[in-house]
Protein backbone atom coordinates (compact mmCIF):
# COMPACT_ATOMS: atom_id res chain seq x y z
CA UNK A 1 8.36 -19.69 -2.53
CA UNK A 2 8.60 -15.91 -3.00
CA UNK A 3 7.18 -13.56 -0.39
CA UNK A 4 6.82 -9.79 -0.71
CA UNK A 5 6.67 -7.90 2.60
CA UNK A 6 5.52 -4.28 2.52
CA UNK A 7 5.60 -2.32 5.74
CA UNK A 8 5.08 1.23 6.98
CA UNK A 9 3.01 2.39 4.00
CA UNK A 10 1.75 5.51 5.81
CA UNK A 11 -1.04 6.02 3.25
CA UNK A 12 -2.99 9.22 3.84
CA UNK A 13 -6.28 10.60 2.56
CA UNK A 14 -6.48 11.49 -1.12
CA UNK A 15 -4.65 14.75 -1.82
CA UNK A 16 -2.54 14.57 1.36
CA UNK A 17 1.18 13.97 1.01
CA UNK A 18 3.09 13.13 4.19
CA UNK A 19 6.55 14.72 3.99
CA UNK A 20 5.58 15.81 0.44
CA UNK A 21 5.47 12.15 -0.69
CA UNK A 22 2.57 10.76 -2.71
CA UNK A 23 2.37 7.52 -0.72
CA UNK A 24 -0.64 6.33 -2.72
CA UNK A 25 1.24 6.59 -5.98
CA UNK A 26 4.31 4.89 -4.49
CA UNK A 27 2.13 2.05 -3.20
CA UNK A 28 0.60 1.56 -6.66
CA UNK A 29 4.06 1.48 -8.25
CA UNK A 30 5.27 -1.13 -5.76
CA UNK A 31 2.14 -3.25 -6.27
CA UNK A 32 2.66 -3.18 -10.04
CA UNK A 33 6.24 -4.35 -9.55
CA UNK A 34 5.05 -7.08 -7.19
CA UNK A 35 2.58 -8.30 -9.83
CA UNK A 36 5.36 -8.44 -12.42
CA UNK A 37 7.52 -10.49 -10.06
CA UNK A 38 4.66 -12.92 -9.37
CA UNK A 39 5.14 -13.37 -5.64
CA UNK A 40 3.41 -16.29 -3.96
CA UNK A 41 2.40 -14.16 -0.99
CA UNK A 42 2.06 -10.45 -0.33
CA UNK A 43 2.14 -9.33 3.30
CA UNK A 44 1.23 -5.81 4.41
CA UNK A 45 2.64 -5.14 7.86
CA UNK A 46 2.18 -2.20 10.17
CA UNK A 47 1.41 1.47 9.77
CA UNK A 48 -0.92 1.20 6.79
CA UNK A 49 -2.35 4.65 7.55
CA UNK A 50 -0.19 7.70 7.98
CA UNK A 51 -1.35 8.82 11.41
CA UNK A 52 -4.63 7.33 12.59
CA UNK A 53 -6.53 4.34 11.25
CA UNK A 54 -9.13 5.47 8.74
CA UNK A 55 -11.83 3.36 7.08
CA UNK A 56 -11.51 5.38 3.86
CA UNK A 57 -7.80 4.61 3.62
CA UNK A 58 -8.31 0.92 4.46
CA UNK A 59 -11.00 0.69 1.74
CA UNK A 60 -8.66 2.33 -0.79
CA UNK A 61 -5.86 -0.12 0.06
CA UNK A 62 -8.28 -3.04 -0.26
CA UNK A 63 -9.39 -1.77 -3.68
CA UNK A 64 -5.76 -1.63 -4.84
CA UNK A 65 -5.29 -5.27 -3.82
CA UNK A 66 -8.38 -6.69 -5.55
CA UNK A 67 -6.51 -7.84 -8.69
CA UNK A 68 -3.52 -9.34 -6.91
């Protein structure tokens, strides 16, 4: 069994780059790699949003996961 654990994503609102990092783009790159590897499980743990929980960010993350 292969498990992929992603933690501390710190995704922010569109157009915001914490510490000048496009966390949305990085997340999409990692998800693409995870799909290539064909993990049995994908776990997202802790700090999904950069600072404060935000429904917009959670919805965006959910949308990114729809094909996995």
